[in-house]
């Protein structure tokens, strides 16, 4: 019994490790602002882009799903240097009828872009949070959930 339990734990750890490696390889995130030289009170768009690996698709943020494909979700951690204004807006996602879940979904291939309007509250502003969602590969029949932390300080951006 102990050998079976140990084997299951090792198998689960291996699968979890592969999942984490897959999601890191499928998406590459980049952050920027629509304007620079901002002062407290200024409103600006935080632009979040993802490069999506060939053959994979990233679900957008503009549909709801209790089950099935998981839309991309942004969670901004409040740090007192900015305020979120309104929802995240996906830029030009594609749309299709998902045959498995019998619902319309929006998604990105190759490149994804999301924009979040924010108000700058302090001069030393920076953005932190999490992006969660799902990437899928239709030909492999594989979907991989992800949770990606981000920390974007425009003062240190190249």
N, C-alpha and C. Protein backbone atom coordinates (compact mmCIF):
# COMPACT_ATOMS: atom_id res chain seq x y z
N UNK A 1 0.82 -1.18 0.00
CA UNK A 1 0.00 0.00 0.00
C UNK A 1 0.87 1.26 0.00
N UNK A 2 1.94 1.24 0.79
CA UNK A 2 2.83 2.39 0.87
C UNK A 2 3.50 2.65 -0.48
N UNK A 3 3.88 1.58 -1.23
CA UNK A 3 4.50 1.75 -2.54
C UNK A 3 3.53 2.39 -3.52
N UNK A 4 2.27 1.99 -3.47
CA UNK A 4 1.26 2.56 -4.37
C UNK A 4 1.08 4.04 -4.06
N UNK A 5 0.95 4.37 -2.79
CA UNK A 5 0.77 5.77 -2.38
C UNK A 5 1.98 6.61 -2.82
N UNK A 6 3.18 6.10 -2.58
CA UNK A 6 4.39 6.82 -2.97
C UNK A 6 4.44 7.00 -4.48
N UNK A 7 4.06 5.97 -5.22
CA UNK A 7 4.03 6.06 -6.67
C UNK A 7 3.05 7.11 -7.17
N UNK A 8 1.89 7.17 -6.54
CA UNK A 8 0.89 8.17 -6.93
C UNK A 8 1.38 9.59 -6.64
N UNK A 9 2.04 9.78 -5.50
CA UNK A 9 2.57 11.10 -5.15
C UNK A 9 3.63 11.52 -6.16
N UNK A 10 4.53 10.63 -6.54
CA UNK A 10 5.58 10.94 -7.51
C UNK A 10 4.95 11.26 -8.87
N UNK A 11 3.95 10.47 -9.29
CA UNK A 11 3.27 10.71 -10.56
C UNK A 11 2.59 12.07 -10.56
N UNK A 12 1.89 12.39 -9.50
CA UNK A 12 1.20 13.68 -9.40
C UNK A 12 2.20 14.84 -9.43
N UNK A 13 3.29 14.71 -8.74
CA UNK A 13 4.31 15.75 -8.73
C UNK A 13 4.91 15.94 -10.13
N UNK A 14 5.10 14.85 -10.86
CA UNK A 14 5.65 14.92 -12.22
C UNK A 14 4.68 15.63 -13.16
N UNK A 15 3.40 15.28 -13.09
CA UNK A 15 2.40 15.90 -13.95
C UNK A 15 2.28 17.39 -13.64
N UNK A 16 2.26 17.74 -12.36
CA UNK A 16 2.18 19.14 -11.96
C UNK A 16 3.39 19.91 -12.48
N UNK A 17 4.57 19.32 -12.39
CA UNK A 17 5.78 19.96 -12.87
C UNK A 17 5.72 20.17 -14.38
N UNK A 18 5.23 19.18 -15.12
CA UNK A 18 5.10 19.32 -16.57
C UNK A 18 4.11 20.42 -16.92
N UNK A 19 3.00 20.50 -16.20
CA UNK A 19 2.01 21.56 -16.43
C UNK A 19 2.65 22.92 -16.28
N UNK A 20 3.39 23.10 -15.22
CA UNK A 20 4.02 24.39 -14.96
C UNK A 20 5.01 24.73 -16.07
N UNK A 21 5.79 23.74 -16.54
CA UNK A 21 6.75 23.97 -17.60
C UNK A 21 6.04 24.32 -18.90
N UNK A 22 4.96 23.62 -19.21
CA UNK A 22 4.20 23.87 -20.44
C UNK A 22 3.71 25.31 -20.48
N UNK A 23 3.08 25.79 -19.41
CA UNK A 23 2.47 27.12 -19.44
C UNK A 23 3.53 28.21 -19.57
N UNK A 24 4.70 28.02 -18.97
CA UNK A 24 5.75 29.01 -19.08
C UNK A 24 6.25 29.08 -20.52
N UNK A 25 6.32 27.96 -21.20
CA UNK A 25 6.82 27.93 -22.57
C UNK A 25 5.80 28.45 -23.57
N UNK A 26 4.52 28.38 -23.28
CA UNK A 26 3.49 28.74 -24.24
C UNK A 26 3.20 30.23 -24.30
N UNK A 27 3.47 30.96 -23.24
CA UNK A 27 3.14 32.38 -23.16
C UNK A 27 4.35 33.18 -22.70
N UNK A 28 4.55 34.33 -23.36
CA UNK A 28 5.59 35.25 -22.92
C UNK A 28 4.91 36.62 -22.77
N UNK A 29 4.91 37.14 -21.55
CA UNK A 29 4.17 38.37 -21.23
C UNK A 29 5.06 39.60 -21.32
N UNK A 30 4.44 40.73 -21.72
CA UNK A 30 5.13 42.00 -21.84
C UNK A 30 4.16 43.09 -21.36
N UNK A 31 4.68 44.10 -20.68
CA UNK A 31 3.85 45.16 -20.09
C UNK A 31 4.39 46.52 -20.52
N UNK A 32 3.47 47.46 -20.78
CA UNK A 32 3.85 48.83 -21.11
C UNK A 32 2.70 49.77 -20.76
N UNK A 33 2.95 51.06 -20.88
CA UNK A 33 1.92 52.08 -20.63
C UNK A 33 1.67 52.85 -21.92
N UNK A 34 0.44 53.33 -22.10
CA UNK A 34 0.10 54.07 -23.31
C UNK A 34 0.70 55.47 -23.32
N UNK A 35 1.10 55.99 -22.16
CA UNK A 35 1.76 57.30 -22.04
C UNK A 35 2.85 57.20 -20.99
N UNK A 36 3.80 58.11 -21.05
CA UNK A 36 4.85 58.17 -20.04
C UNK A 36 4.83 59.55 -19.37
N UNK A 37 5.75 59.79 -18.45
CA UNK A 37 5.85 61.05 -17.71
C UNK A 37 4.52 61.39 -17.04
N UNK A 38 4.02 60.46 -16.25
CA UNK A 38 2.72 60.60 -15.61
C UNK A 38 2.82 61.26 -14.24
N UNK A 39 1.76 61.95 -13.87
CA UNK A 39 1.65 62.60 -12.57
C UNK A 39 0.43 62.04 -11.85
N UNK A 40 0.38 62.14 -10.52
CA UNK A 40 -0.82 61.70 -9.80
C UNK A 40 -2.07 62.38 -10.37
N UNK A 41 -3.11 61.58 -10.56
CA UNK A 41 -4.36 62.05 -11.15
C UNK A 41 -4.48 61.72 -12.63
N UNK A 42 -3.36 61.45 -13.31
CA UNK A 42 -3.39 61.10 -14.74
C UNK A 42 -4.01 59.72 -14.93
N UNK A 43 -4.75 59.58 -16.04
CA UNK A 43 -5.30 58.28 -16.42
C UNK A 43 -4.52 57.77 -17.62
N UNK A 44 -4.26 56.47 -17.62
CA UNK A 44 -3.43 55.85 -18.64
C UNK A 44 -3.89 54.41 -18.82
N UNK A 45 -3.53 53.81 -19.94
CA UNK A 45 -3.83 52.39 -20.14
C UNK A 45 -2.58 51.56 -19.88
N UNK A 46 -2.74 50.56 -19.05
CA UNK A 46 -1.72 49.54 -18.86
C UNK A 46 -1.94 48.52 -19.97
N UNK A 47 -0.95 48.32 -20.80
CA UNK A 47 -1.05 47.41 -21.95
C UNK A 47 -0.33 46.12 -21.60
N UNK A 48 -1.06 45.02 -21.67
CA UNK A 48 -0.50 43.70 -21.37
C UNK A 48 -0.57 42.88 -22.66
N UNK A 49 0.59 42.43 -23.11
CA UNK A 49 0.66 41.63 -24.34
C UNK A 49 1.23 40.26 -24.00
N UNK A 50 0.75 39.27 -24.73
CA UNK A 50 1.28 37.92 -24.59
C UNK A 50 1.65 37.40 -25.97
N UNK A 51 2.84 36.86 -26.07
CA UNK A 51 3.23 36.13 -27.27
C UNK A 51 2.81 34.69 -27.02
N UNK A 52 2.01 34.15 -27.94
CA UNK A 52 1.46 32.81 -27.78
C UNK A 52 2.22 31.87 -28.72
N UNK A 53 2.75 30.80 -28.16
CA UNK A 53 3.53 29.84 -28.95
C UNK A 53 2.70 29.27 -30.10
N UNK A 54 3.36 29.01 -31.20
CA UNK A 54 2.70 28.48 -32.40
C UNK A 54 1.92 27.21 -32.07
N UNK A 55 0.68 27.15 -32.57
CA UNK A 55 -0.18 25.99 -32.36
C UNK A 55 -1.08 26.09 -31.14
N UNK A 56 -0.78 27.04 -30.27
CA UNK A 56 -1.55 27.22 -29.04
C UNK A 56 -2.49 28.42 -29.18
N UNK A 57 -3.54 28.44 -28.37
CA UNK A 57 -4.42 29.61 -28.31
C UNK A 57 -4.67 29.95 -26.85
N UNK A 58 -4.82 31.25 -26.60
CA UNK A 58 -5.08 31.78 -25.27
C UNK A 58 -6.51 32.29 -25.25
N UNK A 59 -7.31 31.83 -24.31
CA UNK A 59 -8.68 32.33 -24.21
C UNK A 59 -8.66 33.79 -23.78
N UNK A 60 -9.60 34.56 -24.32
CA UNK A 60 -9.71 35.98 -24.02
C UNK A 60 -10.36 36.17 -22.64
N UNK A 61 -10.63 37.42 -22.30
CA UNK A 61 -11.21 37.75 -20.99
C UNK A 61 -12.67 38.18 -21.10
N UNK A 62 -13.23 38.16 -22.30
CA UNK A 62 -14.54 38.79 -22.51
C UNK A 62 -15.71 37.83 -22.66
N UNK A 63 -15.59 36.64 -22.09
CA UNK A 63 -16.74 35.73 -22.04
C UNK A 63 -16.78 35.08 -20.67
N UNK A 64 -17.94 34.60 -20.31
CA UNK A 64 -18.11 33.96 -19.00
C UNK A 64 -18.25 32.46 -19.19
N UNK A 65 -17.64 31.71 -18.29
CA UNK A 65 -17.75 30.25 -18.35
C UNK A 65 -17.66 29.70 -16.94
N UNK A 66 -18.72 29.05 -16.51
CA UNK A 66 -18.69 28.37 -15.21
C UNK A 66 -17.93 27.06 -15.32
N UNK A 67 -18.12 26.40 -16.47
CA UNK A 67 -17.39 25.18 -16.77
C UNK A 67 -16.84 25.33 -18.18
N UNK A 68 -15.93 24.47 -18.54
CA UNK A 68 -15.39 24.53 -19.90
C UNK A 68 -14.20 25.44 -20.00
N UNK A 69 -14.04 26.08 -21.17
CA UNK A 69 -12.87 26.95 -21.38
C UNK A 69 -12.82 28.05 -20.33
N UNK A 70 -11.66 28.29 -19.80
CA UNK A 70 -11.50 29.30 -18.76
C UNK A 70 -10.96 30.60 -19.34
N UNK A 71 -11.74 31.68 -19.25
CA UNK A 71 -11.27 32.96 -19.77
C UNK A 71 -10.09 33.49 -18.97
N UNK A 72 -9.31 34.34 -19.61
CA UNK A 72 -8.19 34.98 -18.93
C UNK A 72 -8.74 35.99 -17.92
N UNK A 73 -8.17 35.98 -16.73
CA UNK A 73 -8.64 36.85 -15.66
C UNK A 73 -7.43 37.60 -15.08
N UNK A 74 -7.61 38.89 -14.85
CA UNK A 74 -6.56 39.72 -14.27
C UNK A 74 -6.96 40.10 -12.85
N UNK A 75 -6.04 39.88 -11.93
CA UNK A 75 -6.24 40.26 -10.53
C UNK A 75 -5.15 41.26 -10.18
N UNK A 76 -5.53 42.51 -9.95
CA UNK A 76 -4.57 43.54 -9.60
C UNK A 76 -4.49 43.65 -8.08
N UNK A 77 -3.28 43.61 -7.55
CA UNK A 77 -3.07 43.71 -6.12
C UNK A 77 -2.91 45.19 -5.78
N UNK A 78 -3.78 45.67 -4.93
CA UNK A 78 -3.76 47.09 -4.55
C UNK A 78 -2.51 47.40 -3.74
N UNK A 79 -1.78 48.43 -4.19
CA UNK A 79 -0.60 48.85 -3.45
C UNK A 79 -0.62 50.36 -3.15
N UNK A 80 -1.75 51.02 -3.45
CA UNK A 80 -1.91 52.43 -3.14
C UNK A 80 -1.27 53.38 -4.14
N UNK A 81 -0.63 52.87 -5.20
CA UNK A 81 0.03 53.76 -6.16
C UNK A 81 -0.79 53.99 -7.42
N UNK A 82 -1.86 53.21 -7.59
CA UNK A 82 -2.73 53.35 -8.75
C UNK A 82 -4.12 52.83 -8.40
N UNK A 83 -5.11 53.21 -9.20
CA UNK A 83 -6.47 52.70 -9.05
C UNK A 83 -6.93 52.14 -10.38
N UNK A 84 -7.56 50.97 -10.35
CA UNK A 84 -8.10 50.33 -11.55
C UNK A 84 -9.42 51.02 -11.90
N UNK A 85 -9.59 51.36 -13.18
CA UNK A 85 -10.80 52.02 -13.66
C UNK A 85 -11.48 51.13 -14.71
N UNK A 86 -12.56 50.49 -14.34
CA UNK A 86 -13.29 49.66 -15.29
C UNK A 86 -12.67 48.30 -15.51
N UNK A 87 -13.23 47.55 -16.46
CA UNK A 87 -12.75 46.18 -16.72
C UNK A 87 -11.56 46.15 -17.68
N UNK A 88 -10.87 45.02 -17.70
CA UNK A 88 -9.83 44.76 -18.69
C UNK A 88 -10.51 44.61 -20.05
N UNK A 89 -9.92 45.20 -21.08
CA UNK A 89 -10.50 45.14 -22.42
C UNK A 89 -9.55 44.35 -23.34
N UNK A 90 -10.02 43.22 -23.89
CA UNK A 90 -9.20 42.50 -24.87
C UNK A 90 -9.25 43.23 -26.21
N UNK A 91 -8.14 43.25 -26.93
CA UNK A 91 -8.06 43.96 -28.21
C UNK A 91 -8.10 42.94 -29.35
N UNK A 92 -9.19 42.97 -30.10
CA UNK A 92 -9.37 42.18 -31.33
C UNK A 92 -9.18 40.67 -31.19
N UNK A 93 -9.85 40.04 -30.22
CA UNK A 93 -9.77 38.57 -30.17
C UNK A 93 -10.60 37.95 -31.31
N UNK A 94 -10.27 36.72 -31.64
CA UNK A 94 -11.06 35.95 -32.60
C UNK A 94 -12.19 35.28 -31.83
N UNK A 95 -13.25 34.89 -32.53
CA UNK A 95 -14.39 34.23 -31.90
C UNK A 95 -14.71 32.95 -32.64
N UNK A 96 -15.12 31.92 -31.89
CA UNK A 96 -15.55 30.67 -32.52
C UNK A 96 -16.58 29.99 -31.62
N UNK A 97 -17.32 29.08 -32.21
CA UNK A 97 -18.25 28.24 -31.47
C UNK A 97 -17.45 27.03 -30.98
N UNK A 98 -17.33 26.86 -29.68
CA UNK A 98 -16.63 25.71 -29.12
C UNK A 98 -17.55 24.51 -29.21
N UNK A 99 -17.13 23.50 -29.97
CA UNK A 99 -17.97 22.32 -30.22
C UNK A 99 -18.17 21.48 -28.96
N UNK A 100 -17.15 21.38 -28.16
CA UNK A 100 -17.25 20.56 -26.95
C UNK A 100 -18.22 21.15 -25.95
N UNK A 101 -18.12 22.46 -25.72
CA UNK A 101 -18.91 23.11 -24.68
C UNK A 101 -20.15 23.82 -25.22
N UNK A 102 -20.31 23.79 -26.55
CA UNK A 102 -21.47 24.39 -27.21
C UNK A 102 -21.70 25.83 -26.76
N UNK A 103 -20.66 26.63 -26.89
CA UNK A 103 -20.74 28.05 -26.53
C UNK A 103 -19.76 28.84 -27.38
N UNK A 104 -20.04 30.14 -27.55
CA UNK A 104 -19.10 31.01 -28.24
C UNK A 104 -17.99 31.40 -27.29
N UNK A 105 -16.76 31.32 -27.78
CA UNK A 105 -15.60 31.72 -27.00
C UNK A 105 -14.74 32.66 -27.84
N UNK A 106 -13.99 33.52 -27.18
CA UNK A 106 -13.04 34.37 -27.88
C UNK A 106 -11.64 33.99 -27.41
N UNK A 107 -10.69 34.13 -28.32
CA UNK A 107 -9.34 33.63 -28.06
C UNK A 107 -8.34 34.37 -28.92
N UNK A 108 -7.06 34.15 -28.63
CA UNK A 108 -5.96 34.74 -29.38
C UNK A 108 -5.01 33.64 -29.83
N UNK A 109 -4.44 33.83 -31.01
CA UNK A 109 -3.32 33.01 -31.46
C UNK A 109 -2.17 33.96 -31.78
N UNK A 110 -0.98 33.51 -31.64
CA UNK A 110 0.25 34.26 -31.91
C UNK A 110 0.46 35.43 -30.96
N UNK A 111 -0.47 36.40 -30.91
CA UNK A 111 -0.29 37.60 -30.10
C UNK A 111 -1.62 37.96 -29.44
N UNK A 112 -1.58 38.27 -28.15
CA UNK A 112 -2.77 38.73 -27.43
C UNK A 112 -2.47 40.10 -26.85
N UNK A 113 -3.51 40.93 -26.77
CA UNK A 113 -3.34 42.23 -26.14
C UNK A 113 -4.57 42.53 -25.29
N UNK A 114 -4.30 42.97 -24.06
CA UNK A 114 -5.34 43.39 -23.12
C UNK A 114 -4.96 44.78 -22.63
N UNK A 115 -5.98 45.62 -22.36
CA UNK A 115 -5.73 46.97 -21.85
C UNK A 115 -6.57 47.22 -20.61
N UNK A 116 -5.93 47.80 -19.61
CA UNK A 116 -6.60 48.14 -18.36
C UNK A 116 -6.39 49.62 -18.09
N UNK A 117 -7.48 50.37 -18.00
CA UNK A 117 -7.38 51.79 -17.69
C UNK A 117 -7.12 51.93 -16.19
N UNK A 118 -6.14 52.79 -15.85
CA UNK A 118 -5.79 53.03 -14.45
C UNK A 118 -5.60 54.53 -14.23
N UNK A 119 -5.75 54.93 -12.98
CA UNK A 119 -5.44 56.30 -12.56
C UNK A 119 -4.20 56.24 -11.69
N UNK A 120 -3.25 57.07 -11.96
CA UNK A 120 -2.02 57.13 -11.17
C UNK A 120 -2.33 57.90 -9.88
N UNK A 121 -2.03 57.29 -8.73
CA UNK A 121 -2.30 57.92 -7.43
C UNK A 121 -1.04 58.47 -6.76
N UNK A 122 0.13 57.89 -7.09
CA UNK A 122 1.39 58.34 -6.49
C UNK A 122 2.48 58.32 -7.56
N UNK A 123 3.49 59.17 -7.39
CA UNK A 123 4.58 59.24 -8.36
C UNK A 123 5.38 57.94 -8.48
N UNK A 124 5.48 57.19 -7.41
CA UNK A 124 6.27 55.95 -7.43
C UNK A 124 5.39 54.74 -7.77
N UNK A 125 4.53 54.88 -8.77
CA UNK A 125 3.57 53.84 -9.13
C UNK A 125 4.25 52.60 -9.72
N UNK A 126 3.66 51.46 -9.44
CA UNK A 126 4.05 50.19 -10.04
C UNK A 126 2.86 49.25 -9.95
N UNK A 127 2.87 48.21 -10.77
CA UNK A 127 1.71 47.34 -10.92
C UNK A 127 2.08 45.90 -10.57
N UNK A 128 1.26 45.28 -9.73
CA UNK A 128 1.47 43.88 -9.37
C UNK A 128 0.13 43.16 -9.41
N UNK A 129 0.21 41.85 -9.59
CA UNK A 129 -1.00 41.06 -9.60
C UNK A 129 -0.78 39.68 -10.19
N UNK A 130 -1.87 39.11 -10.66
CA UNK A 130 -1.85 37.75 -11.21
C UNK A 130 -2.70 37.69 -12.46
N UNK A 131 -2.26 36.87 -13.39
CA UNK A 131 -3.05 36.57 -14.58
C UNK A 131 -3.31 35.07 -14.54
N UNK A 132 -4.58 34.69 -14.62
CA UNK A 132 -4.94 33.27 -14.66
C UNK A 132 -5.74 33.02 -15.93
N UNK A 133 -5.68 31.81 -16.40
CA UNK A 133 -6.42 31.46 -17.60
C UNK A 133 -6.07 30.08 -18.09
N UNK A 134 -6.21 29.91 -19.40
CA UNK A 134 -6.03 28.59 -19.99
C UNK A 134 -5.52 28.76 -21.43
N UNK A 135 -4.55 27.96 -21.79
CA UNK A 135 -4.10 27.87 -23.17
C UNK A 135 -4.40 26.47 -23.67
N UNK A 136 -4.76 26.37 -24.96
CA UNK A 136 -5.12 25.07 -25.53
C UNK A 136 -4.43 24.85 -26.86
N UNK A 137 -4.22 23.59 -27.17
CA UNK A 137 -3.66 23.17 -28.45
C UNK A 137 -4.65 22.20 -29.07
N UNK A 138 -5.37 22.67 -30.10
CA UNK A 138 -6.43 21.85 -30.71
C UNK A 138 -5.91 20.54 -31.27
N UNK A 139 -4.76 20.56 -31.93
CA UNK A 139 -4.25 19.34 -32.56
C UNK A 139 -3.78 18.31 -31.54
N UNK A 140 -3.23 18.79 -30.43
CA UNK A 140 -2.79 17.88 -29.37
C UNK A 140 -3.93 17.51 -28.44
N UNK A 141 -5.04 18.27 -28.52
CA UNK A 141 -6.18 18.02 -27.63
C UNK A 141 -5.82 18.27 -26.17
N UNK A 142 -4.99 19.28 -25.96
CA UNK A 142 -4.47 19.55 -24.63
C UNK A 142 -4.80 20.98 -24.22
N UNK A 143 -5.32 21.15 -23.01
CA UNK A 143 -5.54 22.47 -22.43
C UNK A 143 -4.78 22.54 -21.11
N UNK A 144 -4.08 23.65 -20.91
CA UNK A 144 -3.24 23.81 -19.73
C UNK A 144 -3.65 25.08 -18.98
N UNK A 145 -4.07 24.95 -17.73
CA UNK A 145 -4.36 26.15 -16.94
C UNK A 145 -3.06 26.82 -16.49
N UNK A 146 -3.12 28.11 -16.24
CA UNK A 146 -1.92 28.80 -15.75
C UNK A 146 -2.32 29.87 -14.75
N UNK A 147 -1.38 30.24 -13.93
CA UNK A 147 -1.47 31.39 -13.01
C UNK A 147 -0.10 32.04 -13.04
N UNK A 148 -0.07 33.26 -13.53
CA UNK A 148 1.18 33.98 -13.74
C UNK A 148 1.20 35.25 -12.89
N UNK A 149 2.16 35.36 -12.00
CA UNK A 149 2.33 36.60 -11.23
C UNK A 149 3.01 37.63 -12.12
N UNK A 150 2.68 38.92 -11.92
CA UNK A 150 3.39 39.96 -12.63
C UNK A 150 3.74 41.10 -11.67
N UNK A 151 4.82 41.75 -11.99
CA UNK A 151 5.30 42.91 -11.25
C UNK A 151 5.91 43.84 -12.28
N UNK A 152 5.19 44.90 -12.61
CA UNK A 152 5.65 45.83 -13.65
C UNK A 152 5.88 47.21 -13.04
N UNK A 153 7.15 47.62 -13.06
CA UNK A 153 7.55 48.95 -12.60
C UNK A 153 8.03 49.70 -13.83
N UNK A 154 7.22 50.63 -14.37
CA UNK A 154 7.61 51.34 -15.61
C UNK A 154 8.93 52.10 -15.49
N UNK A 155 9.33 52.47 -14.29
CA UNK A 155 10.60 53.19 -14.12
C UNK A 155 11.80 52.32 -14.43
N UNK A 156 11.61 51.00 -14.32
CA UNK A 156 12.70 50.05 -14.59
C UNK A 156 12.56 49.37 -15.93
N UNK A 157 11.54 49.73 -16.72
CA UNK A 157 11.30 49.09 -18.01
C UNK A 157 12.33 49.58 -19.02
N UNK A 158 12.67 48.71 -19.91
CA UNK A 158 13.65 49.03 -20.98
C UNK A 158 12.98 49.76 -22.10
